[in-house]
């Protein structure tokens, strides 16, 4: 089992889209570019290379 926490960048959008949240229209995907850039910080927990959770 390999777990890593790191700051997300705009390059992680696909990982977010691939994450199974169970939400049909997940607004976080729509605003990802705004909450992961500039003065904002968004972090992701990766489990075996797949994004499992986010927080910021």
PDB file of N, CA and C in Angstrom:
ATOM      1  N   UNK A   1       0.856  -1.167   0.000  1.00  0.00           N
ATOM      2  CA  UNK A   1       0.000   0.000   0.000  1.00  0.00           C
ATOM      3  C   UNK A   1       0.904   1.233   0.000  1.00  0.00           C
ATOM      4  N   UNK A   2       0.643   2.139  -0.929  1.00  0.00           N
ATOM      5  CA  UNK A   2       1.428   3.354  -1.065  1.00  0.00           C
ATOM      6  C   UNK A   2       0.494   4.553  -0.989  1.00  0.00           C
ATOM      7  N   UNK A   3       0.713   5.429  -0.006  1.00  0.00           N
ATOM      8  CA  UNK A   3      -0.123   6.623   0.148  1.00  0.00           C
ATOM      9  C   UNK A   3       0.751   7.862   0.157  1.00  0.00           C
ATOM     10  N   UNK A   4       0.281   8.892  -0.534  1.00  0.00           N
ATOM     11  CA  UNK A   4       0.994  10.161  -0.643  1.00  0.00           C
ATOM     12  C   UNK A   4       0.000  11.301  -0.554  1.00  0.00           C
ATOM     13  N   UNK A   5       0.378  12.357   0.152  1.00  0.00           N
ATOM     14  CA  UNK A   5      -0.401  13.588   0.167  1.00  0.00           C
ATOM     15  C   UNK A   5       0.458  14.660  -0.467  1.00  0.00           C
ATOM     16  N   UNK A   6      -0.121  15.380  -1.444  1.00  0.00           N
ATOM     17  CA  UNK A   6       0.612  16.461  -2.085  1.00  0.00           C
ATOM     18  C   UNK A   6      -0.358  17.509  -2.600  1.00  0.00           C
ATOM     19  N   UNK A   7       0.194  18.687  -2.868  1.00  0.00           N
ATOM     20  CA  UNK A   7      -0.610  19.768  -3.414  1.00  0.00           C
ATOM     21  C   UNK A   7      -0.998  19.430  -4.846  1.00  0.00           C
ATOM     22  N   UNK A   8      -2.269  19.666  -5.171  1.00  0.00           N
ATOM     23  CA  UNK A   8      -2.751  19.408  -6.521  1.00  0.00           C
ATOM     24  C   UNK A   8      -2.459  20.598  -7.428  1.00  0.00           C
ATOM     25  N   UNK A   9      -2.264  20.305  -8.699  1.00  0.00           N
ATOM     26  CA  UNK A   9      -2.054  21.334  -9.712  1.00  0.00           C
ATOM     27  C   UNK A   9      -3.081  21.114 -10.818  1.00  0.00           C
ATOM     28  N   UNK A  10      -3.092  22.012 -11.769  1.00  0.00           N
ATOM     29  CA  UNK A  10      -4.040  21.878 -12.879  1.00  0.00           C
ATOM     30  C   UNK A  10      -3.801  20.585 -13.658  1.00  0.00           C
ATOM     31  N   UNK A  11      -2.613  20.012 -13.548  1.00  0.00           N
ATOM     32  CA  UNK A  11      -2.309  18.752 -14.218  1.00  0.00           C
ATOM     33  C   UNK A  11      -3.041  17.561 -13.590  1.00  0.00           C
ATOM     34  N   UNK A  12      -3.638  17.748 -12.423  1.00  0.00           N
ATOM     35  CA  UNK A  12      -4.328  16.671 -11.718  1.00  0.00           C
ATOM     36  C   UNK A  12      -5.826  16.617 -12.020  1.00  0.00           C
ATOM     37  N   UNK A  13      -6.282  17.422 -12.960  1.00  0.00           N
ATOM     38  CA  UNK A  13      -7.711  17.429 -13.279  1.00  0.00           C
ATOM     39  C   UNK A  13      -8.203  16.047 -13.679  1.00  0.00           C
ATOM     40  N   UNK A  14      -7.454  15.337 -14.501  1.00  0.00           N
ATOM     41  CA  UNK A  14      -7.885  14.005 -14.937  1.00  0.00           C
ATOM     42  C   UNK A  14      -8.012  13.056 -13.751  1.00  0.00           C
ATOM     43  N   UNK A  15      -7.086  13.136 -12.807  1.00  0.00           N
ATOM     44  CA  UNK A  15      -7.163  12.290 -11.610  1.00  0.00           C
ATOM     45  C   UNK A  15      -8.432  12.604 -10.827  1.00  0.00           C
ATOM     46  N   UNK A  16      -8.803  13.871 -10.759  1.00  0.00           N
ATOM     47  CA  UNK A  16     -10.038  14.263 -10.076  1.00  0.00           C
ATOM     48  C   UNK A  16     -11.254  13.733 -10.829  1.00  0.00           C
ATOM     49  N   UNK A  17     -11.235  13.844 -12.140  1.00  0.00           N
ATOM     50  CA  UNK A  17     -12.357  13.356 -12.943  1.00  0.00           C
ATOM     51  C   UNK A  17     -12.498  11.837 -12.821  1.00  0.00           C
ATOM     52  N   UNK A  18     -11.395  11.141 -12.635  1.00  0.00           N
ATOM     53  CA  UNK A  18     -11.416   9.686 -12.506  1.00  0.00           C
ATOM     54  C   UNK A  18     -11.832   9.216 -11.109  1.00  0.00           C
ATOM     55  N   UNK A  19     -11.817  10.118 -10.126  1.00  0.00           N
ATOM     56  CA  UNK A  19     -12.161   9.747  -8.758  1.00  0.00           C
ATOM     57  C   UNK A  19     -13.668   9.488  -8.655  1.00  0.00           C
ATOM     58  N   UNK A  20     -14.049   8.368  -8.073  1.00  0.00           N
ATOM     59  CA  UNK A  20     -15.456   8.010  -7.928  1.00  0.00           C
ATOM     60  C   UNK A  20     -16.015   8.663  -6.668  1.00  0.00           C
ATOM     61  N   UNK A  21     -16.704   9.793  -6.850  1.00  0.00           N
ATOM     62  CA  UNK A  21     -17.272  10.511  -5.711  1.00  0.00           C
ATOM     63  C   UNK A  21     -18.720  10.123  -5.443  1.00  0.00           C
ATOM     64  N   UNK A  22     -19.352   9.495  -6.431  1.00  0.00           N
ATOM     65  CA  UNK A  22     -20.763   9.168  -6.289  1.00  0.00           C
ATOM     66  C   UNK A  22     -21.678  10.355  -6.543  1.00  0.00           C
ATOM     67  N   UNK A  23     -21.095  11.479  -6.985  1.00  0.00           N
ATOM     68  CA  UNK A  23     -21.875  12.685  -7.264  1.00  0.00           C
ATOM     69  C   UNK A  23     -21.963  12.842  -8.776  1.00  0.00           C
ATOM     70  N   UNK A  24     -23.186  12.886  -9.310  1.00  0.00           N
ATOM     71  CA  UNK A  24     -23.370  12.964 -10.760  1.00  0.00           C
ATOM     72  C   UNK A  24     -22.778  14.239 -11.357  1.00  0.00           C
ATOM     73  N   UNK A  25     -23.044  15.372 -10.741  1.00  0.00           N
ATOM     74  CA  UNK A  25     -22.560  16.654 -11.263  1.00  0.00           C
ATOM     75  C   UNK A  25     -21.689  17.301 -10.184  1.00  0.00           C
ATOM     76  N   UNK A  26     -20.474  16.807 -10.031  1.00  0.00           N
ATOM     77  CA  UNK A  26     -19.570  17.265  -8.978  1.00  0.00           C
ATOM     78  C   UNK A  26     -19.038  18.665  -9.313  1.00  0.00           C
ATOM     79  N   UNK A  27     -19.476  19.675  -8.570  1.00  0.00           N
ATOM     80  CA  UNK A  27     -19.094  21.057  -8.852  1.00  0.00           C
ATOM     81  C   UNK A  27     -17.593  21.288  -8.703  1.00  0.00           C
ATOM     82  N   UNK A  28     -16.910  20.474  -7.923  1.00  0.00           N
ATOM     83  CA  UNK A  28     -15.469  20.653  -7.715  1.00  0.00           C
ATOM     84  C   UNK A  28     -14.731  20.529  -9.049  1.00  0.00           C
ATOM     85  N   UNK A  29     -15.187  19.667  -9.915  1.00  0.00           N
ATOM     86  CA  UNK A  29     -14.564  19.520 -11.233  1.00  0.00           C
ATOM     87  C   UNK A  29     -14.716  20.821 -12.023  1.00  0.00           C
ATOM     88  N   UNK A  30     -15.883  21.449 -11.926  1.00  0.00           N
ATOM     89  CA  UNK A  30     -16.126  22.705 -12.662  1.00  0.00           C
ATOM     90  C   UNK A  30     -15.279  23.854 -12.153  1.00  0.00           C
ATOM     91  N   UNK A  31     -14.966  23.887 -10.867  1.00  0.00           N
ATOM     92  CA  UNK A  31     -14.216  25.011 -10.294  1.00  0.00           C
ATOM     93  C   UNK A  31     -12.766  24.654  -9.980  1.00  0.00           C
ATOM     94  N   UNK A  32     -12.326  23.472 -10.386  1.00  0.00           N
ATOM     95  CA  UNK A  32     -10.993  22.989 -10.046  1.00  0.00           C
ATOM     96  C   UNK A  32      -9.909  23.988 -10.428  1.00  0.00           C
ATOM     97  N   UNK A  33     -10.005  24.585 -11.621  1.00  0.00           N
ATOM     98  CA  UNK A  33      -8.970  25.520 -12.059  1.00  0.00           C
ATOM     99  C   UNK A  33      -8.882  26.732 -11.140  1.00  0.00           C
ATOM    100  N   UNK A  34      -9.993  27.131 -10.543  1.00  0.00           N
ATOM    101  CA  UNK A  34      -9.989  28.299  -9.652  1.00  0.00           C
ATOM    102  C   UNK A  34      -9.549  27.966  -8.228  1.00  0.00           C
ATOM    103  N   UNK A  35      -9.784  26.729  -7.781  1.00  0.00           N
ATOM    104  CA  UNK A  35      -9.438  26.387  -6.393  1.00  0.00           C
ATOM    105  C   UNK A  35      -8.088  25.692  -6.271  1.00  0.00           C
ATOM    106  N   UNK A  36      -7.407  25.500  -7.401  1.00  0.00           N
ATOM    107  CA  UNK A  36      -6.094  24.851  -7.342  1.00  0.00           C
ATOM    108  C   UNK A  36      -4.977  25.760  -7.848  1.00  0.00           C
ATOM    109  N   UNK A  37      -5.273  27.037  -8.095  1.00  0.00           N
ATOM    110  CA  UNK A  37      -4.270  27.969  -8.605  1.00  0.00           C
ATOM    111  C   UNK A  37      -4.286  29.258  -7.789  1.00  0.00           C
ATOM    112  N   UNK A  38      -3.332  30.132  -8.086  1.00  0.00           N
ATOM    113  CA  UNK A  38      -3.248  31.416  -7.392  1.00  0.00           C
ATOM    114  C   UNK A  38      -2.964  31.224  -5.916  1.00  0.00           C
ATOM    115  N   UNK A  39      -3.629  32.006  -5.074  1.00  0.00           N
ATOM    116  CA  UNK A  39      -3.369  31.910  -3.638  1.00  0.00           C
ATOM    117  C   UNK A  39      -4.047  30.694  -2.982  1.00  0.00           C
ATOM    118  N   UNK A  40      -4.859  29.974  -3.739  1.00  0.00           N
ATOM    119  CA  UNK A  40      -5.589  28.821  -3.206  1.00  0.00           C
ATOM    120  C   UNK A  40      -4.687  27.593  -3.148  1.00  0.00           C
ATOM    121  N   UNK A  41      -4.980  26.716  -2.219  1.00  0.00           N
ATOM    122  CA  UNK A  41      -4.239  25.467  -2.080  1.00  0.00           C
ATOM    123  C   UNK A  41      -5.234  24.318  -1.966  1.00  0.00           C
ATOM    124  N   UNK A  42      -5.010  23.300  -2.760  1.00  0.00           N
ATOM    125  CA  UNK A  42      -5.844  22.110  -2.733  1.00  0.00           C
ATOM    126  C   UNK A  42      -4.896  20.916  -2.654  1.00  0.00           C
ATOM    127  N   UNK A  43      -5.171  20.011  -1.741  1.00  0.00           N
ATOM    128  CA  UNK A  43      -4.302  18.869  -1.527  1.00  0.00           C
ATOM    129  C   UNK A  43      -5.054  17.582  -1.822  1.00  0.00           C
ATOM    130  N   UNK A  44      -4.319  16.590  -2.261  1.00  0.00           N
ATOM    131  CA  UNK A  44      -4.926  15.306  -2.579  1.00  0.00           C
ATOM    132  C   UNK A  44      -4.217  14.168  -1.882  1.00  0.00           C
ATOM    133  N   UNK A  45      -4.998  13.199  -1.452  1.00  0.00           N
ATOM    134  CA  UNK A  45      -4.464  11.951  -0.909  1.00  0.00           C
ATOM    135  C   UNK A  45      -4.510  10.932  -2.032  1.00  0.00           C
ATOM    136  N   UNK A  46      -3.354  10.415  -2.390  1.00  0.00           N
ATOM    137  CA  UNK A  46      -3.248   9.405  -3.439  1.00  0.00           C
ATOM    138  C   UNK A  46      -2.987   8.056  -2.786  1.00  0.00           C
ATOM    139  N   UNK A  47      -3.774   7.068  -3.177  1.00  0.00           N
ATOM    140  CA  UNK A  47      -3.630   5.696  -2.675  1.00  0.00           C
ATOM    141  C   UNK A  47      -3.294   4.818  -3.875  1.00  0.00           C
ATOM    142  N   UNK A  48      -2.114   4.236  -3.832  1.00  0.00           N
ATOM    143  CA  UNK A  48      -1.630   3.415  -4.951  1.00  0.00           C
ATOM    144  C   UNK A  48      -1.752   4.157  -6.287  1.00  0.00           C
ATOM    145  N   UNK A  49      -1.408   5.449  -6.274  1.00  0.00           N
ATOM    146  CA  UNK A  49      -1.382   6.249  -7.501  1.00  0.00           C
ATOM    147  C   UNK A  49      -2.697   6.840  -7.932  1.00  0.00           C
ATOM    148  N   UNK A  50      -3.782   6.516  -7.234  1.00  0.00           N
ATOM    149  CA  UNK A  50      -5.102   7.055  -7.593  1.00  0.00           C
ATOM    150  C   UNK A  50      -5.559   8.060  -6.547  1.00  0.00           C
ATOM    151  N   UNK A  51      -6.139   9.161  -7.007  1.00  0.00           N
ATOM    152  CA  UNK A  51      -6.649  10.178  -6.101  1.00  0.00           C
ATOM    153  C   UNK A  51      -7.817   9.612  -5.317  1.00  0.00           C
ATOM    154  N   UNK A  52      -7.724   9.664  -3.987  1.00  0.00           N
ATOM    155  CA  UNK A  52      -8.745   9.073  -3.122  1.00  0.00           C
ATOM    156  C   UNK A  52      -9.544  10.119  -2.358  1.00  0.00           C
ATOM    157  N   UNK A  53      -8.929  11.295  -2.101  1.00  0.00           N
ATOM    158  CA  UNK A  53      -9.586  12.317  -1.305  1.00  0.00           C
ATOM    159  C   UNK A  53      -8.926  13.651  -1.569  1.00  0.00           C
ATOM    160  N   UNK A  54      -9.690  14.751  -1.404  1.00  0.00           N
ATOM    161  CA  UNK A  54      -9.139  16.095  -1.563  1.00  0.00           C
ATOM    162  C   UNK A  54      -9.549  16.959  -0.386  1.00  0.00           C
ATOM    163  N   UNK A  55      -8.763  18.003  -0.167  1.00  0.00           N
ATOM    164  CA  UNK A  55      -9.083  18.970   0.877  1.00  0.00           C
ATOM    165  C   UNK A  55      -8.284  20.233   0.635  1.00  0.00           C
ATOM    166  N   UNK A  56      -8.813  21.336   1.093  1.00  0.00           N
ATOM    167  CA  UNK A  56      -8.099  22.584   0.889  1.00  0.00           C
ATOM    168  C   UNK A  56      -8.635  23.680   1.764  1.00  0.00           C
TER     169      UNK A  56
END
